[in-house]
Amino acid sequence: MVELEEIYSEFQKYNAELVAISMDSREETEELMRELGLNYHVLPDPTGKVVKKYGVYNLLGDGVATPSIFIMSSEKSVNWKYIGESISDRPGNETVLSEIRKLSNK
């Protein structure tokens, strides 16, 4: 989450918005945002409704969402996704920005 904060302004240059989903309660999510100094939205999903809909719940057998990134169009279709194979498997910032740049040029 902190890594994405570092490039949040780049997202905005491409008219893209960053939204994270947390399986924590609203209070825990708000505290996390404050502690990490996040400027983008983090939405609570304590029941896992959203992460289950996107098929990333409990893939690692740990009862939580697998680290994942989805780049969505304004029509809410998935244009690109990355689903981690471990708790620490996340794409680098440049990979995410590269995909946003590609999509913004279409």
PDB file of N, CA and C in Angstrom:
ATOM      1  N   MET A   1       0.811  -1.197   0.000  1.00  0.00           N
ATOM      2  CA  MET A   1       0.000   0.000   0.000  1.00  0.00           C
ATOM      3  C   MET A   1       0.854   1.260   0.000  1.00  0.00           C
ATOM      4  N   VAL A   2       1.909   1.236   0.775  1.00  0.00           N
ATOM      5  CA  VAL A   2       2.787   2.400   0.833  1.00  0.00           C
ATOM      6  C   VAL A   2       3.481   2.599  -0.510  1.00  0.00           C
ATOM      7  N   GLU A   3       3.858   1.490  -1.166  1.00  0.00           N
ATOM      8  CA  GLU A   3       4.525   1.595  -2.459  1.00  0.00           C
ATOM      9  C   GLU A   3       3.626   2.298  -3.477  1.00  0.00           C
ATOM     10  N   LEU A   4       2.344   1.998  -3.452  1.00  0.00           N
ATOM     11  CA  LEU A   4       1.418   2.638  -4.388  1.00  0.00           C
ATOM     12  C   LEU A   4       1.219   4.110  -4.055  1.00  0.00           C
ATOM     13  N   GLU A   5       1.303   4.461  -2.784  1.00  0.00           N
ATOM     14  CA  GLU A   5       1.200   5.877  -2.392  1.00  0.00           C
ATOM     15  C   GLU A   5       2.306   6.681  -3.085  1.00  0.00           C
ATOM     16  N   GLU A   6       3.480   6.063  -3.240  1.00  0.00           N
ATOM     17  CA  GLU A   6       4.616   6.744  -3.857  1.00  0.00           C
ATOM     18  C   GLU A   6       4.337   7.148  -5.301  1.00  0.00           C
ATOM     19  N   ILE A   7       3.447   6.436  -5.992  1.00  0.00           N
ATOM     20  CA  ILE A   7       3.173   6.736  -7.394  1.00  0.00           C
ATOM     21  C   ILE A   7       1.742   7.242  -7.625  1.00  0.00           C
ATOM     22  N   TYR A   8       1.039   7.527  -6.553  1.00  0.00           N
ATOM     23  CA  TYR A   8      -0.356   7.957  -6.678  1.00  0.00           C
ATOM     24  C   TYR A   8      -0.504   9.184  -7.583  1.00  0.00           C
ATOM     25  N   SER A   9       0.396  10.128  -7.480  1.00  0.00           N
ATOM     26  CA  SER A   9       0.301  11.325  -8.323  1.00  0.00           C
ATOM     27  C   SER A   9       0.451  10.966  -9.800  1.00  0.00           C
ATOM     28  N   GLU A  10       1.214   9.922 -10.098  1.00  0.00           N
ATOM     29  CA  GLU A  10       1.349   9.458 -11.482  1.00  0.00           C
ATOM     30  C   GLU A  10       0.027   8.891 -11.991  1.00  0.00           C
ATOM     31  N   PHE A  11      -0.681   8.178 -11.151  1.00  0.00           N
ATOM     32  CA  PHE A  11      -2.000   7.666 -11.530  1.00  0.00           C
ATOM     33  C   PHE A  11      -2.878   8.826 -11.987  1.00  0.00           C
ATOM     34  N   GLN A  12      -2.878   9.886 -11.205  1.00  0.00           N
ATOM     35  CA  GLN A  12      -3.741  11.027 -11.473  1.00  0.00           C
ATOM     36  C   GLN A  12      -3.393  11.721 -12.790  1.00  0.00           C
ATOM     37  N   LYS A  13      -2.114  11.691 -13.189  1.00  0.00           N
ATOM     38  CA  LYS A  13      -1.710  12.284 -14.463  1.00  0.00           C
ATOM     39  C   LYS A  13      -2.389  11.585 -15.640  1.00  0.00           C
ATOM     40  N   TYR A  14      -2.723  10.327 -15.462  1.00  0.00           N
ATOM     41  CA  TYR A  14      -3.369   9.541 -16.520  1.00  0.00           C
ATOM     42  C   TYR A  14      -4.872   9.422 -16.292  1.00  0.00           C
ATOM     43  N   ASN A  15      -5.397  10.297 -15.461  1.00  0.00           N
ATOM     44  CA  ASN A  15      -6.823  10.301 -15.141  1.00  0.00           C
ATOM     45  C   ASN A  15      -7.270   8.945 -14.588  1.00  0.00           C
ATOM     46  N   ALA A  16      -6.391   8.318 -13.840  1.00  0.00           N
ATOM     47  CA  ALA A  16      -6.689   7.030 -13.211  1.00  0.00           C
ATOM     48  C   ALA A  16      -6.850   7.254 -11.714  1.00  0.00           C
ATOM     49  N   GLU A  17      -7.650   6.438 -11.101  1.00  0.00           N
ATOM     50  CA  GLU A  17      -7.867   6.537  -9.656  1.00  0.00           C
ATOM     51  C   GLU A  17      -7.408   5.233  -9.016  1.00  0.00           C
ATOM     52  N   LEU A  18      -6.859   5.355  -7.843  1.00  0.00           N
ATOM     53  CA  LEU A  18      -6.384   4.209  -7.075  1.00  0.00           C
ATOM     54  C   LEU A  18      -7.334   3.972  -5.914  1.00  0.00           C
ATOM     55  N   VAL A  19      -7.842   2.749  -5.826  1.00  0.00           N
ATOM     56  CA  VAL A  19      -8.723   2.362  -4.731  1.00  0.00           C
ATOM     57  C   VAL A  19      -8.263   0.997  -4.243  1.00  0.00           C
ATOM     58  N   ALA A  20      -8.041   0.875  -2.954  1.00  0.00           N
ATOM     59  CA  ALA A  20      -7.639  -0.406  -2.364  1.00  0.00           C
ATOM     60  C   ALA A  20      -8.811  -0.974  -1.577  1.00  0.00           C
ATOM     61  N   ILE A  21      -8.819  -2.282  -1.445  1.00  0.00           N
ATOM     62  CA  ILE A  21      -9.837  -2.974  -0.655  1.00  0.00           C
ATOM     63  C   ILE A  21      -9.127  -3.653   0.518  1.00  0.00           C
ATOM     64  N   SER A  22      -9.675  -3.469   1.702  1.00  0.00           N
ATOM     65  CA  SER A  22      -9.138  -4.088   2.912  1.00  0.00           C
ATOM     66  C   SER A  22     -10.216  -4.957   3.551  1.00  0.00           C
ATOM     67  N   MET A  23      -9.842  -6.131   3.998  1.00  0.00           N
ATOM     68  CA  MET A  23     -10.810  -6.989   4.674  1.00  0.00           C
ATOM     69  C   MET A  23     -10.961  -6.637   6.146  1.00  0.00           C
ATOM     70  N   ASP A  24     -10.371  -5.541   6.552  1.00  0.00           N
ATOM     71  CA  ASP A  24     -10.505  -5.072   7.928  1.00  0.00           C
ATOM     72  C   ASP A  24     -11.806  -4.295   8.097  1.00  0.00           C
ATOM     73  N   SER A  25     -12.175  -4.030   9.339  1.00  0.00           N
ATOM     74  CA  SER A  25     -13.363  -3.220   9.638  1.00  0.00           C
ATOM     75  C   SER A  25     -13.119  -1.776   9.186  1.00  0.00           C
ATOM     76  N   ARG A  26     -14.173  -0.997   9.148  1.00  0.00           N
ATOM     77  CA  ARG A  26     -14.056   0.420   8.767  1.00  0.00           C
ATOM     78  C   ARG A  26     -13.066   1.139   9.686  1.00  0.00           C
ATOM     79  N   GLU A  27     -13.187   0.907  10.986  1.00  0.00           N
ATOM     80  CA  GLU A  27     -12.295   1.574  11.946  1.00  0.00           C
ATOM     81  C   GLU A  27     -10.837   1.177  11.710  1.00  0.00           C
ATOM     82  N   GLU A  28     -10.599  -0.122  11.523  1.00  0.00           N
ATOM     83  CA  GLU A  28      -9.228  -0.589  11.286  1.00  0.00           C
ATOM     84  C   GLU A  28      -8.683  -0.051   9.965  1.00  0.00           C
ATOM     85  N   THR A  29      -9.539   0.029   8.965  1.00  0.00           N
ATOM     86  CA  THR A  29      -9.125   0.557   7.664  1.00  0.00           C
ATOM     87  C   THR A  29      -8.765   2.028   7.766  1.00  0.00           C
ATOM     88  N   GLU A  30      -9.569   2.806   8.461  1.00  0.00           N
ATOM     89  CA  GLU A  30      -9.278   4.226   8.643  1.00  0.00           C
ATOM     90  C   GLU A  30      -7.982   4.427   9.421  1.00  0.00           C
ATOM     91  N   GLU A  31      -7.767   3.610  10.436  1.00  0.00           N
ATOM     92  CA  GLU A  31      -6.527   3.692  11.215  1.00  0.00           C
ATOM     93  C   GLU A  31      -5.321   3.351  10.336  1.00  0.00           C
ATOM     94  N   LEU A  32      -5.446   2.335   9.503  1.00  0.00           N
ATOM     95  CA  LEU A  32      -4.371   1.948   8.589  1.00  0.00           C
ATOM     96  C   LEU A  32      -4.036   3.102   7.643  1.00  0.00           C
ATOM     97  N   MET A  33      -5.056   3.743   7.109  1.00  0.00           N
ATOM     98  CA  MET A  33      -4.825   4.873   6.205  1.00  0.00           C
ATOM     99  C   MET A  33      -4.077   6.002   6.910  1.00  0.00           C
ATOM    100  N   ARG A  34      -4.473   6.278   8.150  1.00  0.00           N
ATOM    101  CA  ARG A  34      -3.798   7.332   8.927  1.00  0.00           C
ATOM    102  C   ARG A  34      -2.350   6.941   9.217  1.00  0.00           C
ATOM    103  N   GLU A  35      -2.147   5.722   9.693  1.00  0.00           N
ATOM    104  CA  GLU A  35      -0.800   5.268  10.051  1.00  0.00           C
ATOM    105  C   GLU A  35       0.152   5.300   8.860  1.00  0.00           C
ATOM    106  N   LEU A  36      -0.357   4.895   7.695  1.00  0.00           N
ATOM    107  CA  LEU A  36       0.489   4.821   6.505  1.00  0.00           C
ATOM    108  C   LEU A  36       0.519   6.127   5.715  1.00  0.00           C
ATOM    109  N   GLY A  37      -0.324   7.083   6.104  1.00  0.00           N
ATOM    110  CA  GLY A  37      -0.361   8.367   5.409  1.00  0.00           C
ATOM    111  C   GLY A  37      -0.851   8.240   3.979  1.00  0.00           C
ATOM    112  N   LEU A  38      -1.860   7.421   3.773  1.00  0.00           N
ATOM    113  CA  LEU A  38      -2.363   7.182   2.424  1.00  0.00           C
ATOM    114  C   LEU A  38      -3.318   8.286   1.994  1.00  0.00           C
ATOM    115  N   ASN A  39      -3.168   8.740   0.773  1.00  0.00           N
ATOM    116  CA  ASN A  39      -4.043   9.764   0.219  1.00  0.00           C
ATOM    117  C   ASN A  39      -5.100   9.184  -0.702  1.00  0.00           C
ATOM    118  N   TYR A  40      -4.929   7.935  -1.078  1.00  0.00           N
ATOM    119  CA  TYR A  40      -5.938   7.301  -1.935  1.00  0.00           C
ATOM    120  C   TYR A  40      -6.949   6.560  -1.064  1.00  0.00           C
ATOM    121  N   HIS A  41      -8.041   6.140  -1.682  1.00  0.00           N
ATOM    122  CA  HIS A  41      -9.129   5.497  -0.955  1.00  0.00           C
ATOM    123  C   HIS A  41      -8.808   4.037  -0.637  1.00  0.00           C
ATOM    124  N   VAL A  42      -9.105   3.654   0.586  1.00  0.00           N
ATOM    125  CA  VAL A  42      -9.051   2.249   0.996  1.00  0.00           C
ATOM    126  C   VAL A  42     -10.438   1.929   1.542  1.00  0.00           C
ATOM    127  N   LEU A  43     -11.098   0.990   0.898  1.00  0.00           N
ATOM    128  CA  LEU A  43     -12.463   0.657   1.274  1.00  0.00           C
ATOM    129  C   LEU A  43     -12.505  -0.622   2.093  1.00  0.00           C
ATOM    130  N   PRO A  44     -13.238  -0.610   3.189  1.00  0.00           N
ATOM    131  CA  PRO A  44     -13.332  -1.823   4.009  1.00  0.00           C
ATOM    132  C   PRO A  44     -14.257  -2.854   3.369  1.00  0.00           C
ATOM    133  N   ASP A  45     -13.877  -4.118   3.489  1.00  0.00           N
ATOM    134  CA  ASP A  45     -14.674  -5.233   2.978  1.00  0.00           C
ATOM    135  C   ASP A  45     -14.559  -6.387   3.982  1.00  0.00           C
ATOM    136  N   PRO A  46     -15.019  -6.157   5.236  1.00  0.00           N
ATOM    137  CA  PRO A  46     -14.801  -7.165   6.279  1.00  0.00           C
ATOM    138  C   PRO A  46     -15.475  -8.511   6.012  1.00  0.00           C
ATOM    139  N   THR A  47     -16.516  -8.547   5.219  1.00  0.00           N
ATOM    140  CA  THR A  47     -17.175  -9.829   4.917  1.00  0.00           C
ATOM    141  C   THR A  47     -16.563 -10.512   3.699  1.00  0.00           C
ATOM    142  N   GLY A  48     -15.695  -9.800   2.984  1.00  0.00           N
ATOM    143  CA  GLY A  48     -15.041 -10.379   1.818  1.00  0.00           C
ATOM    144  C   GLY A  48     -15.898 -10.412   0.565  1.00  0.00           C
ATOM    145  N   LYS A  49     -16.991  -9.681   0.556  1.00  0.00           N
ATOM    146  CA  LYS A  49     -17.913  -9.708  -0.585  1.00  0.00           C
ATOM    147  C   LYS A  49     -17.205  -9.315  -1.892  1.00  0.00           C
ATOM    148  N   VAL A  50     -16.432  -8.252  -1.860  1.00  0.00           N
ATOM    149  CA  VAL A  50     -15.760  -7.773  -3.074  1.00  0.00           C
ATOM    150  C   VAL A  50     -14.637  -8.713  -3.477  1.00  0.00           C
ATOM    151  N   VAL A  51     -13.802  -9.111  -2.537  1.00  0.00           N
ATOM    152  CA  VAL A  51     -12.673  -9.971  -2.900  1.00  0.00           C
ATOM    153  C   VAL A  51     -13.146 -11.340  -3.384  1.00  0.00           C
ATOM    154  N   LYS A  52     -14.262 -11.800  -2.868  1.00  0.00           N
ATOM    155  CA  LYS A  52     -14.835 -13.063  -3.361  1.00  0.00           C
ATOM    156  C   LYS A  52     -15.371 -12.891  -4.775  1.00  0.00           C
ATOM    157  N   LYS A  53     -16.015 -11.752  -5.032  1.00  0.00           N
ATOM    158  CA  LYS A  53     -16.546 -11.478  -6.372  1.00  0.00           C
ATOM    159  C   LYS A  53     -15.429 -11.487  -7.411  1.00  0.00           C
ATOM    160  N   TYR A  54     -14.269 -10.964  -7.052  1.00  0.00           N
ATOM    161  CA  TYR A  54     -13.141 -10.912  -7.983  1.00  0.00           C
ATOM    162  C   TYR A  54     -12.262 -12.156  -7.923  1.00  0.00           C
ATOM    163  N   GLY A  55     -12.652 -13.123  -7.121  1.00  0.00           N
ATOM    164  CA  GLY A  55     -11.967 -14.420  -7.104  1.00  0.00           C
ATOM    165  C   GLY A  55     -10.593 -14.433  -6.475  1.00  0.00           C
ATOM    166  N   VAL A  56     -10.351 -13.535  -5.526  1.00  0.00           N
ATOM    167  CA  VAL A  56      -9.026 -13.491  -4.902  1.00  0.00           C
ATOM    168  C   VAL A  56      -9.062 -13.795  -3.400  1.00  0.00           C
ATOM    169  N   TYR A  57     -10.182 -14.330  -2.931  1.00  0.00           N
ATOM    170  CA  TYR A  57     -10.301 -14.663  -1.510  1.00  0.00           C
ATOM    171  C   TYR A  57      -9.710 -16.041  -1.229  1.00  0.00           C
ATOM    172  N   ASN A  58      -8.833 -16.118  -0.257  1.00  0.00           N
ATOM    173  CA  ASN A  58      -8.301 -17.366   0.300  1.00  0.00           C
ATOM    174  C   ASN A  58      -7.556 -18.229  -0.724  1.00  0.00           C
ATOM    175  N   LEU A  59      -7.001 -17.636  -1.749  1.00  0.00           N
ATOM    176  CA  LEU A  59      -6.243 -18.417  -2.733  1.00  0.00           C
ATOM    177  C   LEU A  59      -4.986 -19.038  -2.136  1.00  0.00           C
ATOM    178  N   LEU A  60      -4.481 -18.411  -1.083  1.00  0.00           N
ATOM    179  CA  LEU A  60      -3.262 -18.905  -0.441  1.00  0.00           C
ATOM    180  C   LEU A  60      -3.570 -19.716   0.818  1.00  0.00           C
ATOM    181  N   GLY A  61      -4.852 -19.973   1.065  1.00  0.00           N
ATOM    182  CA  GLY A  61      -5.253 -20.755   2.227  1.00  0.00           C
ATOM    183  C   GLY A  61      -5.113 -20.038   3.546  1.00  0.00           C
ATOM    184  N   ASP A  62      -5.096 -18.700   3.508  1.00  0.00           N
ATOM    185  CA  ASP A  62      -4.900 -17.929   4.734  1.00  0.00           C
ATOM    186  C   ASP A  62      -6.143 -17.166   5.189  1.00  0.00           C
ATOM    187  N   GLY A  63      -7.270 -17.365   4.503  1.00  0.00           N
ATOM    188  CA  GLY A  63      -8.517 -16.743   4.922  1.00  0.00           C
ATOM    189  C   GLY A  63      -8.631 -15.262   4.662  1.00  0.00           C
ATOM    190  N   VAL A  64      -7.760 -14.711   3.824  1.00  0.00           N
ATOM    191  CA  VAL A  64      -7.824 -13.295   3.463  1.00  0.00           C
ATOM    192  C   VAL A  64      -7.660 -13.165   1.952  1.00  0.00           C
ATOM    193  N   ALA A  65      -7.713 -11.929   1.489  1.00  0.00           N
ATOM    194  CA  ALA A  65      -7.539 -11.664   0.060  1.00  0.00           C
ATOM    195  C   ALA A  65      -6.076 -11.839  -0.332  1.00  0.00           C
ATOM    196  N   THR A  66      -5.873 -12.416  -1.486  1.00  0.00           N
ATOM    197  CA  THR A  66      -4.532 -12.532  -2.050  1.00  0.00           C
ATOM    198  C   THR A  66      -4.131 -11.173  -2.616  1.00  0.00           C
ATOM    199  N   PRO A  67      -2.871 -10.750  -2.435  1.00  0.00           N
ATOM    200  CA  PRO A  67      -2.455  -9.472  -3.019  1.00  0.00           C
ATOM    201  C   PRO A  67      -2.760  -9.457  -4.518  1.00  0.00           C
ATOM    202  N   SER A  68      -3.523  -8.463  -4.945  1.00  0.00           N
ATOM    203  CA  SER A  68      -3.966  -8.392  -6.334  1.00  0.00           C
ATOM    204  C   SER A  68      -4.118  -6.944  -6.761  1.00  0.00           C
ATOM    205  N   ILE A  69      -3.951  -6.722  -8.059  1.00  0.00           N
ATOM    206  CA  ILE A  69      -4.204  -5.410  -8.638  1.00  0.00           C
ATOM    207  C   ILE A  69      -5.070  -5.623  -9.864  1.00  0.00           C
ATOM    208  N   PHE A  70      -6.126  -4.829  -9.954  1.00  0.00           N
ATOM    209  CA  PHE A  70      -7.008  -4.845 -11.113  1.00  0.00           C
ATOM    210  C   PHE A  70      -7.040  -3.431 -11.685  1.00  0.00           C
ATOM    211  N   ILE A  71      -6.833  -3.303 -12.973  1.00  0.00           N
ATOM    212  CA  ILE A  71      -7.002  -2.022 -13.639  1.00  0.00           C
ATOM    213  C   ILE A  71      -8.320  -2.123 -14.393  1.00  0.00           C
ATOM    214  N   MET A  72      -9.230  -1.242 -14.009  1.00  0.00           N
ATOM    215  CA  MET A  72     -10.591  -1.272 -14.534  1.00  0.00           C
ATOM    216  C   MET A  72     -10.816  -0.104 -15.490  1.00  0.00           C
ATOM    217  N   SER A  73     -11.676  -0.330 -16.456  1.00  0.00           N
ATOM    218  CA  SER A  73     -12.079   0.752 -17.358  1.00  0.00           C
ATOM    219  C   SER A  73     -13.185   1.562 -16.689  1.00  0.00           C
ATOM    220  N   SER A  74     -13.541   2.671 -17.299  1.00  0.00           N
ATOM    221  CA  SER A  74     -14.636   3.468 -16.759  1.00  0.00           C
ATOM    222  C   SER A  74     -15.960   2.711 -16.872  1.00  0.00           C
ATOM    223  N   GLU A  75     -16.003   1.690 -17.722  1.00  0.00           N
ATOM    224  CA  GLU A  75     -17.191   0.849 -17.845  1.00  0.00           C
ATOM    225  C   GLU A  75     -17.163  -0.317 -16.849  1.00  0.00           C
ATOM    226  N   LYS A  76     -16.169  -0.312 -15.981  1.00  0.00           N
ATOM    227  CA  LYS A  76     -16.009  -1.304 -14.911  1.00  0.00           C
ATOM    228  C   LYS A  76     -15.609  -2.699 -15.395  1.00  0.00           C
ATOM    229  N   SER A  77     -15.024  -2.777 -16.582  1.00  0.00           N
ATOM    230  CA  SER A  77     -14.492  -4.055 -17.034  1.00  0.00           C
ATOM    231  C   SER A  77     -13.013  -4.127 -16.655  1.00  0.00           C
ATOM    232  N   VAL A  78     -12.529  -5.333 -16.428  1.00  0.00           N
ATOM    233  CA  VAL A  78     -11.132  -5.529 -16.037  1.00  0.00           C
ATOM    234  C   VAL A  78     -10.273  -5.478 -17.302  1.00  0.00           C
ATOM    235  N   ASN A  79      -9.366  -4.509 -17.354  1.00  0.00           N
ATOM    236  CA  ASN A  79      -8.455  -4.378 -18.496  1.00  0.00           C
ATOM    237  C   ASN A  79      -7.120  -5.059 -18.253  1.00  0.00           C
ATOM    238  N   TRP A  80      -6.738  -5.225 -17.001  1.00  0.00           N
ATOM    239  CA  TRP A  80      -5.473  -5.862 -16.650  1.00  0.00           C
ATOM    240  C   TRP A  80      -5.574  -6.300 -15.209  1.00  0.00           C
ATOM    241  N   LYS A  81      -4.944  -7.436 -14.886  1.00  0.00           N
ATOM    242  CA  LYS A  81      -4.921  -7.854 -13.486  1.00  0.00           C
ATOM    243  C   LYS A  81      -3.629  -8.581 -13.183  1.00  0.00           C
ATOM    244  N   TYR A  82      -3.284  -8.528 -11.923  1.00  0.00           N
ATOM    245  CA  TYR A  82      -2.121  -9.240 -11.400  1.00  0.00           C
ATOM    246  C   TYR A  82      -2.563  -9.856 -10.078  1.00  0.00           C
ATOM    247  N   ILE A  83      -2.472 -11.160  -9.987  1.00  0.00           N
ATOM    248  CA  ILE A  83      -2.839 -11.863  -8.756  1.00  0.00           C
ATOM    249  C   ILE A  83      -1.586 -12.540  -8.233  1.00  0.00           C
ATOM    250  N   GLY A  84      -1.188 -12.166  -7.027  1.00  0.00           N
ATOM    251  CA  GLY A  84       0.041 -12.673  -6.446  1.00  0.00           C
ATOM    252  C   GLY A  84       0.000 -14.168  -6.143  1.00  0.00           C
ATOM    253  N   GLU A  85       1.160 -14.769  -6.177  1.00  0.00           N
ATOM    254  CA  GLU A  85       1.283 -16.195  -5.864  1.00  0.00           C
ATOM    255  C   GLU A  85       1.751 -16.429  -4.432  1.00  0.00           C
ATOM    256  N   SER A  86       2.024 -15.344  -3.705  1.00  0.00           N
ATOM    257  CA  SER A  86       2.387 -15.409  -2.290  1.00  0.00           C
ATOM    258  C   SER A  86       1.973 -14.087  -1.652  1.00  0.00           C
ATOM    259  N   ILE A  87       2.049 -14.021  -0.339  1.00  0.00           N
ATOM    260  CA  ILE A  87       1.643 -12.818   0.379  1.00  0.00           C
ATOM    261  C   ILE A  87       2.507 -11.610   0.011  1.00  0.00           C
ATOM    262  N   SER A  88       3.728 -11.848  -0.446  1.00  0.00           N
ATOM    263  CA  SER A  88       4.621 -10.739  -0.801  1.00  0.00           C
ATOM    264  C   SER A  88       4.749 -10.536  -2.309  1.00  0.00           C
ATOM    265  N   ASP A  89       4.010 -11.298  -3.103  1.00  0.00           N
ATOM    266  CA  ASP A  89       4.098 -11.199  -4.559  1.00  0.00           C
ATOM    267  C   ASP A  89       3.193 -10.085  -5.069  1.00  0.00           C
ATOM    268  N   ARG A  90       3.835  -8.997  -5.433  1.00  0.00           N
ATOM    269  CA  ARG A  90       3.117  -7.831  -5.963  1.00  0.00           C
ATOM    270  C   ARG A  90       3.919  -7.293  -7.136  1.00  0.00           C
ATOM    271  N   PRO A  91       3.235  -6.740  -8.133  1.00  0.00           N
ATOM    272  CA  PRO A  91       3.986  -6.159  -9.249  1.00  0.00           C
ATOM    273  C   PRO A  91       4.675  -4.875  -8.803  1.00  0.00           C
ATOM    274  N   GLY A  92       5.775  -4.553  -9.446  1.00  0.00           N
ATOM    275  CA  GLY A  92       6.471  -3.314  -9.135  1.00  0.00           C
ATOM    276  C   GLY A  92       5.679  -2.112  -9.616  1.00  0.00           C
ATOM    277  N   ASN A  93       5.968  -0.972  -9.042  1.00  0.00           N
ATOM    278  CA  ASN A  93       5.272   0.257  -9.413  1.00  0.00           C
ATOM    279  C   ASN A  93       5.376   0.547 -10.904  1.00  0.00           C
ATOM    280  N   GLU A  94       6.554   0.319 -11.484  1.00  0.00           N
ATOM    281  CA  GLU A  94       6.731   0.615 -12.905  1.00  0.00           C
ATOM    282  C   GLU A  94       5.867  -0.291 -13.772  1.00  0.00           C
ATOM    283  N   THR A  95       5.663  -1.530 -13.354  1.00  0.00           N
ATOM    284  CA  THR A  95       4.784  -2.432 -14.097  1.00  0.00           C
ATOM    285  C   THR A  95       3.362  -1.901 -14.113  1.00  0.00           C
ATOM    286  N   VAL A  96       2.884  -1.486 -12.964  1.00  0.00           N
ATOM    287  CA  VAL A  96       1.519  -0.962 -12.862  1.00  0.00           C
ATOM    288  C   VAL A  96       1.382   0.314 -13.698  1.00  0.00           C
ATOM    289  N   LEU A  97       2.342   1.223 -13.573  1.00  0.00           N
ATOM    290  CA  LEU A  97       2.278   2.464 -14.349  1.00  0.00           C
ATOM    291  C   LEU A  97       2.361   2.190 -15.849  1.00  0.00           C
ATOM    292  N   SER A  98       3.159   1.229 -16.239  1.00  0.00           N
ATOM    293  CA  SER A  98       3.279   0.874 -17.648  1.00  0.00           C
ATOM    294  C   SER A  98       1.927   0.417 -18.201  1.00  0.00           C
ATOM    295  N   GLU A  99       1.205  -0.380 -17.436  1.00  0.00           N
ATOM    296  CA  GLU A  99      -0.110  -0.848 -17.878  1.00  0.00           C
ATOM    297  C   GLU A  99      -1.107   0.301 -17.962  1.00  0.00           C
ATOM    298  N   ILE A 100      -1.037   1.216 -17.021  1.00  0.00           N
ATOM    299  CA  ILE A 100      -1.932   2.386 -17.059  1.00  0.00           C
ATOM    300  C   ILE A 100      -1.608   3.249 -18.282  1.00  0.00           C
ATOM    301  N   ARG A 101      -0.323   3.432 -18.551  1.00  0.00           N
ATOM    302  CA  ARG A 101       0.072   4.215 -19.732  1.00  0.00           C
ATOM    303  C   ARG A 101      -0.439   3.569 -21.006  1.00  0.00           C
ATOM    304  N   LYS A 102      -0.290   2.251 -21.115  1.00  0.00           N
ATOM    305  CA  LYS A 102      -0.757   1.539 -22.309  1.00  0.00           C
ATOM    306  C   LYS A 102      -2.248   1.754 -22.501  1.00  0.00           C
ATOM    307  N   LEU A 103      -3.005   1.605 -21.434  1.00  0.00           N
ATOM    308  CA  LEU A 103      -4.448   1.741 -21.531  1.00  0.00           C
ATOM    309  C   LEU A 103      -4.877   3.175 -21.813  1.00  0.00           C
ATOM    310  N   SER A 104      -4.112   4.146 -21.334  1.00  0.00           N
ATOM    311  CA  SER A 104      -4.487   5.550 -21.561  1.00  0.00           C
ATOM    312  C   SER A 104      -4.217   5.965 -23.001  1.00  0.00           C
ATOM    313  N   ASN A 105      -3.368   5.216 -23.699  1.00  0.00           N
ATOM    314  CA  ASN A 105      -3.059   5.533 -25.087  1.00  0.00           C
ATOM    315  C   ASN A 105      -4.034   4.894 -26.075  1.00  0.00           C
ATOM    316  N   LYS A 106      -4.968   4.101 -25.574  1.00  0.00           N
ATOM    317  CA  LYS A 106      -5.930   3.443 -26.471  1.00  0.00           C
ATOM    318  C   LYS A 106      -7.040   4.372 -26.849  1.00  0.00           C
TER     319      LYS A 106
END
